[in-house]
Amino acid sequence: MSKLHKEIPINDIKFDSKNPRIKYVNPWAEGSDEQMQTQAIPSLLKDPSESSKYSYGSLKASIKAASTIVNPIWVKKVDNDLVCIEGNTRLCIYKELYEDPNEDSEMWEKIPAILYENLSSEEEHKLKLTAHVVGTREWTPYSRACYVNELLEGTFSWDQIVDIVGGRRNQLANLAQAQADFDKYYFKKYDEVDEKKFSYFIEATEKNLFEKMKEYGFEEKDYADWVYKGKFKRAINTRYLPKILANEEAKSAFINGDFDDAYPLIVGEPVRDLSSVPINSLVSEVLKRIDNLRDEDNFYEDEDLIRKLVLLSSSVREVLVSLPDEELEKYFATNADNS
């Protein structure tokens, strides 16, 4: 393997159709190479639904502001072609800016790159794993799980993957098993890859839920149906499933309704109708009471309260993640100014 730092014309570089962020969720996989390069792959790379610590838009704005990229993309030579094996999103942004009539096309005509020649399959896998399993921009959990399973079927053993990734064997093993279960029981039936729905299968694997379900006469396919129907509301709620199934009244409430109907029956909490209370009033009261907890001795010994606070934290995170980056930055900046 040899590598060379250089600037390469963007029109000479192809997107990597085998990139896990593209390969495993591509509905146009049967299209022509031209369709893949000019339509399918750019569309997937710009997908706003992808879970990431930054959006396509914010990355594009950052590149425009700097007039370049800090980290060169990685390109490999394949016969007479140049293929981007790391940095497909950055390449897509360069191509988009190059075509933008409001931009100076010469500025975006070439992109900083590291060109690899004579790159073996094993070396390429190691580069991709290092960049994305522990790198600055991780693949989505589902894509990463698919890639790990692909490696297990071919070139790499678990020991080799752990050597590259470092200290994550149990986590990666759970992820790989969750992907196998998701494909078998959810994707095969409902024909959709949804990262949020996949997170329910990660929880099931980590908490060994399927084995516990079987004690009460339920199977993986039942779990997939419940996930599809939205019965759990959020993935973290699945950890209460064994308690729900062990309680006949709660089980009936869950089967005929959902988690919200069953949960009060396993914690002995009276049902109160707060649906008419404005959300702003509820949030204000919750904030006030949480602040008051600091003055209470040993509140942390109330395990049920701590569980609910964890659920609340998870719900708040999910809402905030759904907001555009610029909105979040605006409110965090306001809070910082007031602190």
C-alpha atoms as a PDB file:
ATOM      1  CA  MET A   1       0.000   0.000   0.000  1.00  0.00           C
ATOM      2  CA  SER A   2       1.252   3.483  -0.882  1.00  0.00           C
ATOM      3  CA  LYS A   3      -0.374   6.851  -0.189  1.00  0.00           C
ATOM      4  CA  LEU A   4       0.048  10.324  -1.618  1.00  0.00           C
ATOM      5  CA  HIS A   5      -1.367  13.683  -0.436  1.00  0.00           C
ATOM      6  CA  LYS A   6      -2.685  15.711  -3.352  1.00  0.00           C
ATOM      7  CA  GLU A   7      -5.602  17.765  -4.667  1.00  0.00           C
ATOM      8  CA  ILE A   8      -7.767  15.772  -7.075  1.00  0.00           C
ATOM      9  CA  PRO A   9     -10.408  17.100  -9.499  1.00  0.00           C
ATOM     10  CA  ILE A  10     -13.807  16.234  -8.003  1.00  0.00           C
ATOM     11  CA  ASN A  11     -15.193  15.034 -11.316  1.00  0.00           C
ATOM     12  CA  ASP A  12     -12.471  12.369 -11.423  1.00  0.00           C
ATOM     13  CA  ILE A  13     -13.677  10.794  -8.155  1.00  0.00           C
ATOM     14  CA  LYS A  14     -16.581   8.390  -7.765  1.00  0.00           C
ATOM     15  CA  PHE A  15     -18.649   7.913  -4.631  1.00  0.00           C
ATOM     16  CA  ASP A  16     -18.176   4.613  -2.818  1.00  0.00           C
ATOM     17  CA  SER A  17     -21.319   2.546  -3.417  1.00  0.00           C
ATOM     18  CA  LYS A  18     -20.033   0.040  -0.843  1.00  0.00           C
ATOM     19  CA  ASN A  19     -19.876   2.617   1.936  1.00  0.00           C
ATOM     20  CA  PRO A  20     -21.972   1.138   4.797  1.00  0.00           C
ATOM     21  CA  ARG A  21     -23.892   4.387   5.244  1.00  0.00           C
ATOM     22  CA  ILE A  22     -25.049   3.901   1.641  1.00  0.00           C
ATOM     23  CA  LYS A  23     -24.855   0.191   0.898  1.00  0.00           C
ATOM     24  CA  TYR A  24     -27.242  -1.141   3.548  1.00  0.00           C
ATOM     25  CA  VAL A  25     -30.023   1.441   3.222  1.00  0.00           C
ATOM     26  CA  ASN A  26     -29.986   2.125  -0.524  1.00  0.00           C
ATOM     27  CA  PRO A  27     -33.411   1.606  -2.173  1.00  0.00           C
ATOM     28  CA  TRP A  28     -31.875   2.270  -5.616  1.00  0.00           C
ATOM     29  CA  ALA A  29     -29.254  -0.479  -5.390  1.00  0.00           C
ATOM     30  CA  GLU A  30     -30.391  -1.944  -8.714  1.00  0.00           C
ATOM     31  CA  GLY A  31     -29.933   1.312 -10.655  1.00  0.00           C
ATOM     32  CA  SER A  32     -27.239   2.024 -13.218  1.00  0.00           C
ATOM     33  CA  ASP A  33     -23.832   3.280 -12.150  1.00  0.00           C
ATOM     34  CA  GLU A  34     -24.656   6.753 -13.494  1.00  0.00           C
ATOM     35  CA  GLN A  35     -27.927   6.850 -11.533  1.00  0.00           C
ATOM     36  CA  MET A  36     -26.094   5.727  -8.410  1.00  0.00           C
ATOM     37  CA  GLN A  37     -23.390   8.395  -8.769  1.00  0.00           C
ATOM     38  CA  THR A  38     -25.561  11.361  -9.776  1.00  0.00           C
ATOM     39  CA  GLN A  39     -28.882  10.689  -8.006  1.00  0.00           C
ATOM     40  CA  ALA A  40     -29.066   7.855  -5.479  1.00  0.00           C
ATOM     41  CA  ILE A  41     -25.877   8.347  -3.471  1.00  0.00           C
ATOM     42  CA  PRO A  42     -26.081  12.174  -3.221  1.00  0.00           C
ATOM     43  CA  SER A  43     -29.696  11.830  -2.066  1.00  0.00           C
ATOM     44  CA  LEU A  44     -28.712   9.374   0.671  1.00  0.00           C
ATOM     45  CA  LEU A  45     -25.774  11.499   1.804  1.00  0.00           C
ATOM     46  CA  LYS A  46     -28.046  14.538   2.171  1.00  0.00           C
ATOM     47  CA  ASP A  47     -30.717  12.578   4.059  1.00  0.00           C
ATOM     48  CA  PRO A  48     -31.843  14.844   6.944  1.00  0.00           C
ATOM     49  CA  SER A  49     -33.281  11.881   8.870  1.00  0.00           C
ATOM     50  CA  GLU A  50     -29.851  10.342   9.440  1.00  0.00           C
ATOM     51  CA  SER A  51     -28.811  10.322  13.079  1.00  0.00           C
ATOM     52  CA  SER A  52     -25.557  12.236  13.365  1.00  0.00           C
ATOM     53  CA  LYS A  53     -23.813  14.649  15.672  1.00  0.00           C
ATOM     54  CA  TYR A  54     -24.030  17.211  12.830  1.00  0.00           C
ATOM     55  CA  SER A  55     -26.200  17.719   9.783  1.00  0.00           C
ATOM     56  CA  TYR A  56     -25.344  17.884   6.098  1.00  0.00           C
ATOM     57  CA  GLY A  57     -26.335  21.548   6.137  1.00  0.00           C
ATOM     58  CA  SER A  58     -24.107  22.494   9.062  1.00  0.00           C
ATOM     59  CA  LEU A  59     -21.143  20.633   7.542  1.00  0.00           C
ATOM     60  CA  LYS A  60     -21.695  22.412   4.228  1.00  0.00           C
ATOM     61  CA  ALA A  61     -21.832  25.792   6.000  1.00  0.00           C
ATOM     62  CA  SER A  62     -18.606  24.986   7.833  1.00  0.00           C
ATOM     63  CA  ILE A  63     -16.805  24.024   4.607  1.00  0.00           C
ATOM     64  CA  LYS A  64     -18.036  27.179   2.863  1.00  0.00           C
ATOM     65  CA  ALA A  65     -16.838  29.354   5.734  1.00  0.00           C
ATOM     66  CA  ALA A  66     -13.377  27.766   5.665  1.00  0.00           C
ATOM     67  CA  SER A  67     -13.258  27.564   1.852  1.00  0.00           C
ATOM     68  CA  THR A  68     -11.742  24.093   2.247  1.00  0.00           C
ATOM     69  CA  ILE A  69     -11.822  20.924   4.342  1.00  0.00           C
ATOM     70  CA  VAL A  70      -9.579  20.314   7.341  1.00  0.00           C
ATOM     71  CA  ASN A  71      -9.319  16.540   6.895  1.00  0.00           C
ATOM     72  CA  PRO A  72      -8.562  15.282   3.376  1.00  0.00           C
ATOM     73  CA  ILE A  73     -10.866  12.643   1.925  1.00  0.00           C
ATOM     74  CA  TRP A  74      -9.457   9.168   1.277  1.00  0.00           C
ATOM     75  CA  VAL A  75      -9.399   7.930  -2.294  1.00  0.00           C
ATOM     76  CA  LYS A  76      -8.331   4.560  -3.661  1.00  0.00           C
ATOM     77  CA  LYS A  77      -7.319   3.711  -7.189  1.00  0.00           C
ATOM     78  CA  VAL A  78      -9.353   0.851  -8.692  1.00  0.00           C
ATOM     79  CA  ASP A  79      -8.177   0.001 -12.206  1.00  0.00           C
ATOM     80  CA  ASN A  80      -8.775   3.265 -14.054  1.00  0.00           C
ATOM     81  CA  ASP A  81     -11.165   4.722 -11.498  1.00  0.00           C
ATOM     82  CA  LEU A  82     -10.694   6.789  -8.342  1.00  0.00           C
ATOM     83  CA  VAL A  83     -13.163   5.884  -5.572  1.00  0.00           C
ATOM     84  CA  CYS A  84     -13.763   7.841  -2.370  1.00  0.00           C
ATOM     85  CA  ILE A  85     -13.600   5.377   0.540  1.00  0.00           C
ATOM     86  CA  GLU A  86     -13.787   8.015   3.311  1.00  0.00           C
ATOM     87  CA  GLY A  87     -15.304  11.489   3.040  1.00  0.00           C
ATOM     88  CA  ASN A  88     -18.204  10.821   0.647  1.00  0.00           C
ATOM     89  CA  THR A  89     -20.293  13.550   2.301  1.00  0.00           C
ATOM     90  CA  ARG A  90     -17.495  16.110   1.952  1.00  0.00           C
ATOM     91  CA  LEU A  91     -17.058  15.103  -1.696  1.00  0.00           C
ATOM     92  CA  CYS A  92     -20.812  15.508  -2.235  1.00  0.00           C
ATOM     93  CA  ILE A  93     -20.681  19.027  -0.769  1.00  0.00           C
ATOM     94  CA  TYR A  94     -17.742  19.971  -3.011  1.00  0.00           C
ATOM     95  CA  LYS A  95     -19.650  18.701  -6.068  1.00  0.00           C
ATOM     96  CA  GLU A  96     -22.743  20.669  -5.004  1.00  0.00           C
ATOM     97  CA  LEU A  97     -20.771  23.879  -4.421  1.00  0.00           C
ATOM     98  CA  TYR A  98     -18.993  23.417  -7.751  1.00  0.00           C
ATOM     99  CA  GLU A  99     -22.366  23.321  -9.536  1.00  0.00           C
ATOM    100  CA  ASP A 100     -23.752  26.304  -7.566  1.00  0.00           C
ATOM    101  CA  PRO A 101     -23.886  29.356  -9.905  1.00  0.00           C
ATOM    102  CA  ASN A 102     -23.452  31.632  -6.874  1.00  0.00           C
ATOM    103  CA  GLU A 103     -20.115  30.035  -5.978  1.00  0.00           C
ATOM    104  CA  ASP A 104     -16.655  30.391  -7.493  1.00  0.00           C
ATOM    105  CA  SER A 105     -16.428  27.032  -9.274  1.00  0.00           C
ATOM    106  CA  GLU A 106     -12.614  27.151  -9.395  1.00  0.00           C
ATOM    107  CA  MET A 107     -12.492  27.117  -5.587  1.00  0.00           C
ATOM    108  CA  TRP A 108     -14.343  23.793  -5.485  1.00  0.00           C
ATOM    109  CA  GLU A 109     -12.944  22.166  -8.623  1.00  0.00           C
ATOM    110  CA  LYS A 110     -10.339  20.140  -6.677  1.00  0.00           C
ATOM    111  CA  ILE A 111     -10.522  18.563  -3.228  1.00  0.00           C
ATOM    112  CA  PRO A 112      -7.694  17.749  -0.769  1.00  0.00           C
ATOM    113  CA  ALA A 113      -7.235  13.989  -0.687  1.00  0.00           C
ATOM    114  CA  ILE A 114      -5.025  11.107   0.328  1.00  0.00           C
ATOM    115  CA  LEU A 115      -4.670   8.780  -2.636  1.00  0.00           C
ATOM    116  CA  TYR A 116      -4.111   5.104  -1.798  1.00  0.00           C
ATOM    117  CA  GLU A 117      -2.696   2.717  -4.377  1.00  0.00           C
ATOM    118  CA  ASN A 118      -2.403  -1.062  -4.123  1.00  0.00           C
ATOM    119  CA  LEU A 119      -4.810  -1.046  -1.174  1.00  0.00           C
ATOM    120  CA  SER A 120      -5.794  -4.552  -0.102  1.00  0.00           C
ATOM    121  CA  SER A 121      -9.311  -5.431   1.036  1.00  0.00           C
ATOM    122  CA  GLU A 122      -8.094  -6.011   4.589  1.00  0.00           C
ATOM    123  CA  GLU A 123      -6.274  -2.679   4.704  1.00  0.00           C
ATOM    124  CA  GLU A 124      -9.382  -0.903   3.421  1.00  0.00           C
ATOM    125  CA  HIS A 125     -11.580  -2.548   6.084  1.00  0.00           C
ATOM    126  CA  LYS A 126      -9.142  -1.458   8.780  1.00  0.00           C
ATOM    127  CA  LEU A 127      -9.156   2.125   7.511  1.00  0.00           C
ATOM    128  CA  LYS A 128     -12.950   2.248   7.441  1.00  0.00           C
ATOM    129  CA  LEU A 129     -13.323   0.711  10.884  1.00  0.00           C
ATOM    130  CA  THR A 130     -10.805   3.116  12.391  1.00  0.00           C
ATOM    131  CA  ALA A 131     -12.486   6.118  10.759  1.00  0.00           C
ATOM    132  CA  HIS A 132     -16.104   5.314  11.523  1.00  0.00           C
ATOM    133  CA  VAL A 133     -16.442   3.025  14.511  1.00  0.00           C
ATOM    134  CA  VAL A 134     -14.181   5.233  16.617  1.00  0.00           C
ATOM    135  CA  GLY A 135     -13.774   8.217  14.284  1.00  0.00           C
ATOM    136  CA  THR A 136     -15.184  11.740  14.067  1.00  0.00           C
ATOM    137  CA  ARG A 137     -18.312  10.779  12.156  1.00  0.00           C
ATOM    138  CA  GLU A 138     -19.751   7.433  13.095  1.00  0.00           C
ATOM    139  CA  TRP A 139     -21.939   5.417  10.801  1.00  0.00           C
ATOM    140  CA  THR A 140     -25.470   4.910  11.996  1.00  0.00           C
ATOM    141  CA  PRO A 141     -25.789   1.967  14.435  1.00  0.00           C
ATOM    142  CA  TYR A 142     -27.581  -0.170  11.834  1.00  0.00           C
ATOM    143  CA  SER A 143     -24.962   0.448   9.128  1.00  0.00           C
ATOM    144  CA  ARG A 144     -22.143  -0.204  11.571  1.00  0.00           C
ATOM    145  CA  ALA A 145     -23.802  -3.451  12.719  1.00  0.00           C
ATOM    146  CA  CYS A 146     -24.232  -4.645   9.129  1.00  0.00           C
ATOM    147  CA  TYR A 147     -20.589  -3.905   8.409  1.00  0.00           C
ATOM    148  CA  VAL A 148     -19.362  -5.774  11.482  1.00  0.00           C
ATOM    149  CA  ASN A 149     -21.465  -8.808  10.522  1.00  0.00           C
ATOM    150  CA  GLU A 150     -20.059  -8.634   6.997  1.00  0.00           C
ATOM    151  CA  LEU A 151     -16.527  -8.628   8.400  1.00  0.00           C
ATOM    152  CA  LEU A 152     -17.296 -11.595  10.642  1.00  0.00           C
ATOM    153  CA  GLU A 153     -18.514 -13.549   7.622  1.00  0.00           C
ATOM    154  CA  GLY A 154     -15.345 -12.790   5.690  1.00  0.00           C
ATOM    155  CA  THR A 155     -11.978 -11.311   6.462  1.00  0.00           C
ATOM    156  CA  PHE A 156     -11.965 -10.607  10.190  1.00  0.00           C
ATOM    157  CA  SER A 157     -12.337 -12.494  13.452  1.00  0.00           C
ATOM    158  CA  TRP A 158     -13.673 -10.887  16.611  1.00  0.00           C
ATOM    159  CA  ASP A 159     -10.144 -10.585  17.977  1.00  0.00           C
ATOM    160  CA  GLN A 160      -9.033  -8.679  14.884  1.00  0.00           C
ATOM    161  CA  ILE A 161     -12.026  -6.311  15.038  1.00  0.00           C
ATOM    162  CA  VAL A 162     -11.425  -5.647  18.723  1.00  0.00           C
ATOM    163  CA  ASP A 163      -7.732  -4.975  18.025  1.00  0.00           C
ATOM    164  CA  ILE A 164      -8.722  -2.312  15.509  1.00  0.00           C
ATOM    165  CA  VAL A 165     -11.656  -0.806  17.429  1.00  0.00           C
ATOM    166  CA  GLY A 166     -10.368  -1.272  20.950  1.00  0.00           C
ATOM    167  CA  GLY A 167     -12.231  -2.529  24.012  1.00  0.00           C
ATOM    168  CA  ARG A 168     -15.724  -2.810  22.556  1.00  0.00           C
ATOM    169  CA  ARG A 169     -16.252  -6.475  21.878  1.00  0.00           C
ATOM    170  CA  ASN A 170     -19.441  -6.821  23.967  1.00  0.00           C
ATOM    171  CA  GLN A 171     -20.962  -3.670  22.524  1.00  0.00           C
ATOM    172  CA  LEU A 172     -20.176  -4.657  18.939  1.00  0.00           C
ATOM    173  CA  ALA A 173     -21.371  -8.220  19.553  1.00  0.00           C
ATOM    174  CA  ASN A 174     -24.692  -6.909  20.894  1.00  0.00           C
ATOM    175  CA  LEU A 175     -24.978  -4.568  17.927  1.00  0.00           C
ATOM    176  CA  ALA A 176     -24.313  -7.373  15.455  1.00  0.00           C
ATOM    177  CA  GLN A 177     -26.862  -9.676  17.120  1.00  0.00           C
ATOM    178  CA  ALA A 178     -29.432  -6.871  17.216  1.00  0.00           C
ATOM    179  CA  GLN A 179     -28.995  -6.348  13.482  1.00  0.00           C
ATOM    180  CA  ALA A 180     -29.501 -10.049  12.762  1.00  0.00           C
ATOM    181  CA  ASP A 181     -32.692 -10.064  14.863  1.00  0.00           C
ATOM    182  CA  PHE A 182     -33.924  -6.793  13.360  1.00  0.00           C
ATOM    183  CA  ASP A 183     -33.500  -8.077   9.813  1.00  0.00           C
ATOM    184  CA  LYS A 184     -35.137 -11.433  10.583  1.00  0.00           C
ATOM    185  CA  TYR A 185     -38.143 -10.280  12.580  1.00  0.00           C
ATOM    186  CA  TYR A 186     -38.714  -6.640  11.620  1.00  0.00           C
ATOM    187  CA  PHE A 187     -37.179  -5.737   8.263  1.00  0.00           C
ATOM    188  CA  LYS A 188     -38.278  -9.005   6.625  1.00  0.00           C
ATOM    189  CA  LYS A 189     -41.906  -8.301   7.565  1.00  0.00           C
ATOM    190  CA  TYR A 190     -42.178  -4.516   7.396  1.00  0.00           C
ATOM    191  CA  ASP A 191     -39.523  -3.765   4.767  1.00  0.00           C
ATOM    192  CA  GLU A 192     -38.191  -0.611   6.420  1.00  0.00           C
ATOM    193  CA  VAL A 193     -34.876   0.363   7.984  1.00  0.00           C
ATOM    194  CA  ASP A 194     -35.631   2.821  10.767  1.00  0.00           C
ATOM    195  CA  GLU A 195     -32.751   3.681  13.119  1.00  0.00           C
ATOM    196  CA  LYS A 196     -35.139   4.455  15.989  1.00  0.00           C
ATOM    197  CA  LYS A 197     -36.876   1.100  15.577  1.00  0.00           C
ATOM    198  CA  PHE A 198     -33.487  -0.599  15.388  1.00  0.00           C
ATOM    199  CA  SER A 199     -32.601   0.927  18.772  1.00  0.00           C
ATOM    200  CA  TYR A 200     -35.411  -1.172  20.312  1.00  0.00           C
ATOM    201  CA  PHE A 201     -33.614  -4.320  19.153  1.00  0.00           C
ATOM    202  CA  ILE A 202     -30.345  -3.073  20.637  1.00  0.00           C
ATOM    203  CA  GLU A 203     -32.150  -2.687  23.967  1.00  0.00           C
ATOM    204  CA  ALA A 204     -33.664  -6.173  23.615  1.00  0.00           C
ATOM    205  CA  THR A 205     -30.233  -7.705  23.026  1.00  0.00           C
ATOM    206  CA  GLU A 206     -28.525  -5.839  25.862  1.00  0.00           C
ATOM    207  CA  LYS A 207     -31.315  -6.706  28.339  1.00  0.00           C
ATOM    208  CA  ASN A 208     -31.806 -10.284  27.074  1.00  0.00           C
ATOM    209  CA  LEU A 209     -35.510  -9.523  26.594  1.00  0.00           C
ATOM    210  CA  PHE A 210     -36.281 -12.270  24.096  1.00  0.00           C
ATOM    211  CA  GLU A 211     -35.371 -15.040  26.526  1.00  0.00           C
ATOM    212  CA  LYS A 212     -37.409 -13.398  29.270  1.00  0.00           C
ATOM    213  CA  MET A 213     -40.400 -12.981  26.935  1.00  0.00           C
ATOM    214  CA  LYS A 214     -40.435 -16.685  26.159  1.00  0.00           C
ATOM    215  CA  GLU A 215     -41.101 -17.412  29.838  1.00  0.00           C
ATOM    216  CA  TYR A 216     -44.494 -15.775  29.305  1.00  0.00           C
ATOM    217  CA  GLY A 217     -45.314 -17.334  25.925  1.00  0.00           C
ATOM    218  CA  PHE A 218     -44.167 -14.514  23.632  1.00  0.00           C
ATOM    219  CA  GLU A 219     -41.558 -14.549  20.859  1.00  0.00           C
ATOM    220  CA  GLU A 220     -39.348 -12.229  18.830  1.00  0.00           C
ATOM    221  CA  LYS A 221     -42.058 -11.725  16.206  1.00  0.00           C
ATOM    222  CA  ASP A 222     -44.409 -10.403  18.906  1.00  0.00           C
ATOM    223  CA  TYR A 223     -41.738  -7.908  19.968  1.00  0.00           C
ATOM    224  CA  ALA A 224     -41.297  -6.773  16.355  1.00  0.00           C
ATOM    225  CA  ASP A 225     -45.066  -6.233  16.065  1.00  0.00           C
ATOM    226  CA  TRP A 226     -45.113  -4.194  19.278  1.00  0.00           C
ATOM    227  CA  VAL A 227     -42.205  -2.064  18.046  1.00  0.00           C
ATOM    228  CA  TYR A 228     -43.918  -1.465  14.694  1.00  0.00           C
ATOM    229  CA  LYS A 229     -47.167  -0.454  16.403  1.00  0.00           C
ATOM    230  CA  GLY A 230     -45.341   1.944  18.721  1.00  0.00           C
ATOM    231  CA  LYS A 231     -46.509   0.259  21.905  1.00  0.00           C
ATOM    232  CA  PHE A 232     -43.357   1.056  23.875  1.00  0.00           C
ATOM    233  CA  LYS A 233     -43.336   4.779  23.019  1.00  0.00           C
ATOM    234  CA  ARG A 234     -39.518   4.850  23.331  1.00  0.00           C
ATOM    235  CA  ALA A 235     -36.756   2.250  23.391  1.00  0.00           C
ATOM    236  CA  ILE A 236     -35.802   2.758  27.033  1.00  0.00           C
ATOM    237  CA  ASN A 237     -39.281   1.635  28.113  1.00  0.00           C
ATOM    238  CA  THR A 238     -38.632  -1.896  26.856  1.00  0.00           C
ATOM    239  CA  ARG A 239     -36.622  -2.646  30.005  1.00  0.00           C
ATOM    240  CA  TYR A 240     -39.937  -2.786  31.913  1.00  0.00           C
ATOM    241  CA  LEU A 241     -41.363  -5.474  29.621  1.00  0.00           C
ATOM    242  CA  PRO A 242     -40.578  -8.467  31.902  1.00  0.00           C
ATOM    243  CA  LYS A 243     -42.393  -6.796  34.812  1.00  0.00           C
ATOM    244  CA  ILE A 244     -45.348  -5.969  32.594  1.00  0.00           C
ATOM    245  CA  LEU A 245     -45.634  -9.529  31.292  1.00  0.00           C
ATOM    246  CA  ALA A 246     -45.359 -10.933  34.828  1.00  0.00           C
ATOM    247  CA  ASN A 247     -48.375  -8.887  35.937  1.00  0.00           C
ATOM    248  CA  GLU A 248     -51.607 -10.171  34.386  1.00  0.00           C
ATOM    249  CA  GLU A 249     -53.408  -6.837  34.685  1.00  0.00           C
ATOM    250  CA  ALA A 250     -50.469  -4.891  33.286  1.00  0.00           C
ATOM    251  CA  LYS A 251     -49.966  -7.446  30.509  1.00  0.00           C
ATOM    252  CA  SER A 252     -53.613  -7.122  29.451  1.00  0.00           C
ATOM    253  CA  ALA A 253     -53.357  -3.331  29.522  1.00  0.00           C
ATOM    254  CA  PHE A 254     -50.226  -3.443  27.362  1.00  0.00           C
ATOM    255  CA  ILE A 255     -51.618  -5.914  24.801  1.00  0.00           C
ATOM    256  CA  ASN A 256     -54.880  -4.000  24.453  1.00  0.00           C
ATOM    257  CA  GLY A 257     -53.281  -0.584  24.775  1.00  0.00           C
ATOM    258  CA  ASP A 258     -49.642   0.397  25.146  1.00  0.00           C
ATOM    259  CA  PHE A 259     -46.864   1.115  27.646  1.00  0.00           C
ATOM    260  CA  ASP A 260     -48.621   4.141  29.126  1.00  0.00           C
ATOM    261  CA  ASP A 261     -51.590   1.956  30.053  1.00  0.00           C
ATOM    262  CA  ALA A 262     -49.451  -0.759  31.635  1.00  0.00           C
ATOM    263  CA  TYR A 263     -46.772   1.202  33.462  1.00  0.00           C
ATOM    264  CA  PRO A 264     -48.932   2.579  36.327  1.00  0.00           C
ATOM    265  CA  LEU A 265     -50.043  -0.981  37.117  1.00  0.00           C
ATOM    266  CA  ILE A 266     -46.504  -2.179  37.824  1.00  0.00           C
ATOM    267  CA  VAL A 267     -45.493   0.789  39.989  1.00  0.00           C
ATOM    268  CA  GLY A 268     -48.750   1.076  41.947  1.00  0.00           C
ATOM    269  CA  GLU A 269     -49.214   4.668  40.840  1.00  0.00           C
ATOM    270  CA  PRO A 270     -52.749   6.115  40.674  1.00  0.00           C
ATOM    271  CA  VAL A 271     -53.808   7.266  37.222  1.00  0.00           C
ATOM    272  CA  ARG A 272     -54.297  11.029  37.011  1.00  0.00           C
ATOM    273  CA  ASP A 273     -55.602  12.821  33.953  1.00  0.00           C
ATOM    274  CA  LEU A 274     -53.209  15.674  33.207  1.00  0.00           C
ATOM    275  CA  SER A 275     -54.086  15.901  29.523  1.00  0.00           C
ATOM    276  CA  SER A 276     -55.859  19.243  29.937  1.00  0.00           C
ATOM    277  CA  VAL A 277     -52.854  20.916  31.626  1.00  0.00           C
ATOM    278  CA  PRO A 278     -50.881  23.109  29.167  1.00  0.00           C
ATOM    279  CA  ILE A 279     -47.456  21.681  28.347  1.00  0.00           C
ATOM    280  CA  ASN A 280     -45.679  24.877  29.410  1.00  0.00           C
ATOM    281  CA  SER A 281     -47.289  24.671  32.843  1.00  0.00           C
ATOM    282  CA  LEU A 282     -46.316  21.021  33.223  1.00  0.00           C
ATOM    283  CA  VAL A 283     -42.706  21.662  32.223  1.00  0.00           C
ATOM    284  CA  SER A 284     -42.440  24.642  34.578  1.00  0.00           C
ATOM    285  CA  GLU A 285     -43.742  22.580  37.494  1.00  0.00           C
ATOM    286  CA  VAL A 286     -41.416  19.669  36.697  1.00  0.00           C
ATOM    287  CA  LEU A 287     -38.402  21.996  36.505  1.00  0.00           C
ATOM    288  CA  LYS A 288     -39.297  23.552  39.844  1.00  0.00           C
ATOM    289  CA  ARG A 289     -39.686  20.181  41.541  1.00  0.00           C
ATOM    290  CA  ILE A 290     -36.452  18.825  40.088  1.00  0.00           C
ATOM    291  CA  ASP A 291     -34.616  21.907  41.361  1.00  0.00           C
ATOM    292  CA  ASN A 292     -36.105  21.292  44.811  1.00  0.00           C
ATOM    293  CA  LEU A 293     -34.741  17.731  44.819  1.00  0.00           C
ATOM    294  CA  ARG A 294     -31.272  19.127  45.469  1.00  0.00           C
ATOM    295  CA  ASP A 295     -32.399  20.183  48.924  1.00  0.00           C
ATOM    296  CA  GLU A 296     -33.870  16.793  49.798  1.00  0.00           C
ATOM    297  CA  ASP A 297     -31.730  14.274  51.657  1.00  0.00           C
ATOM    298  CA  ASN A 298     -31.363  10.818  50.148  1.00  0.00           C
ATOM    299  CA  PHE A 299     -33.771  11.410  47.246  1.00  0.00           C
ATOM    300  CA  TYR A 300     -31.462   9.170  45.224  1.00  0.00           C
ATOM    301  CA  GLU A 301     -32.655   6.215  47.299  1.00  0.00           C
ATOM    302  CA  ASP A 302     -36.065   6.426  45.583  1.00  0.00           C
ATOM    303  CA  GLU A 303     -35.339   3.971  42.757  1.00  0.00           C
ATOM    304  CA  ASP A 304     -38.689   4.533  41.043  1.00  0.00           C
ATOM    305  CA  LEU A 305     -38.103   8.307  40.965  1.00  0.00           C
ATOM    306  CA  ILE A 306     -34.616   7.856  39.519  1.00  0.00           C
ATOM    307  CA  ARG A 307     -36.009   5.566  36.797  1.00  0.00           C
ATOM    308  CA  LYS A 308     -38.576   8.223  35.874  1.00  0.00           C
ATOM    309  CA  LEU A 309     -35.913  10.916  35.757  1.00  0.00           C
ATOM    310  CA  VAL A 310     -33.899   8.736  33.378  1.00  0.00           C
ATOM    311  CA  LEU A 311     -36.986   8.326  31.176  1.00  0.00           C
ATOM    312  CA  LEU A 312     -37.556  12.083  31.280  1.00  0.00           C
ATOM    313  CA  SER A 313     -33.944  12.740  30.308  1.00  0.00           C
ATOM    314  CA  SER A 314     -34.258  10.311  27.379  1.00  0.00           C
ATOM    315  CA  SER A 315     -37.451  11.979  26.162  1.00  0.00           C
ATOM    316  CA  VAL A 316     -35.931  15.460  26.375  1.00  0.00           C
ATOM    317  CA  ARG A 317     -32.881  14.301  24.397  1.00  0.00           C
ATOM    318  CA  GLU A 318     -35.068  12.838  21.649  1.00  0.00           C
ATOM    319  CA  VAL A 319     -36.996  16.109  21.315  1.00  0.00           C
ATOM    320  CA  LEU A 320     -33.828  18.228  21.231  1.00  0.00           C
ATOM    321  CA  VAL A 321     -32.129  15.979  18.670  1.00  0.00           C
ATOM    322  CA  SER A 322     -35.098  16.518  16.335  1.00  0.00           C
ATOM    323  CA  LEU A 323     -34.504  20.292  16.331  1.00  0.00           C
ATOM    324  CA  PRO A 324     -32.408  21.923  13.581  1.00  0.00           C
ATOM    325  CA  ASP A 325     -28.815  22.604  14.659  1.00  0.00           C
ATOM    326  CA  GLU A 326     -29.218  26.355  14.269  1.00  0.00           C
ATOM    327  CA  GLU A 327     -32.195  26.395  16.654  1.00  0.00           C
ATOM    328  CA  LEU A 328     -30.312  24.462  19.321  1.00  0.00           C
ATOM    329  CA  GLU A 329     -27.282  26.726  18.996  1.00  0.00           C
ATOM    330  CA  LYS A 330     -29.512  29.794  19.373  1.00  0.00           C
ATOM    331  CA  TYR A 331     -31.016  28.625  22.673  1.00  0.00           C
ATOM    332  CA  PHE A 332     -27.757  27.326  24.105  1.00  0.00           C
ATOM    333  CA  ALA A 333     -26.123  30.636  23.242  1.00  0.00           C
ATOM    334  CA  THR A 334     -28.945  32.456  25.066  1.00  0.00           C
ATOM    335  CA  ASN A 335     -28.461  30.307  28.161  1.00  0.00           C
ATOM    336  CA  ALA A 336     -24.715  30.895  28.107  1.00  0.00           C
ATOM    337  CA  ASP A 337     -25.237  34.675  27.918  1.00  0.00           C
ATOM    338  CA  ASN A 338     -27.579  34.553  30.901  1.00  0.00           C
ATOM    339  CA  SER A 339     -25.295  32.404  33.057  1.00  0.00           C
END
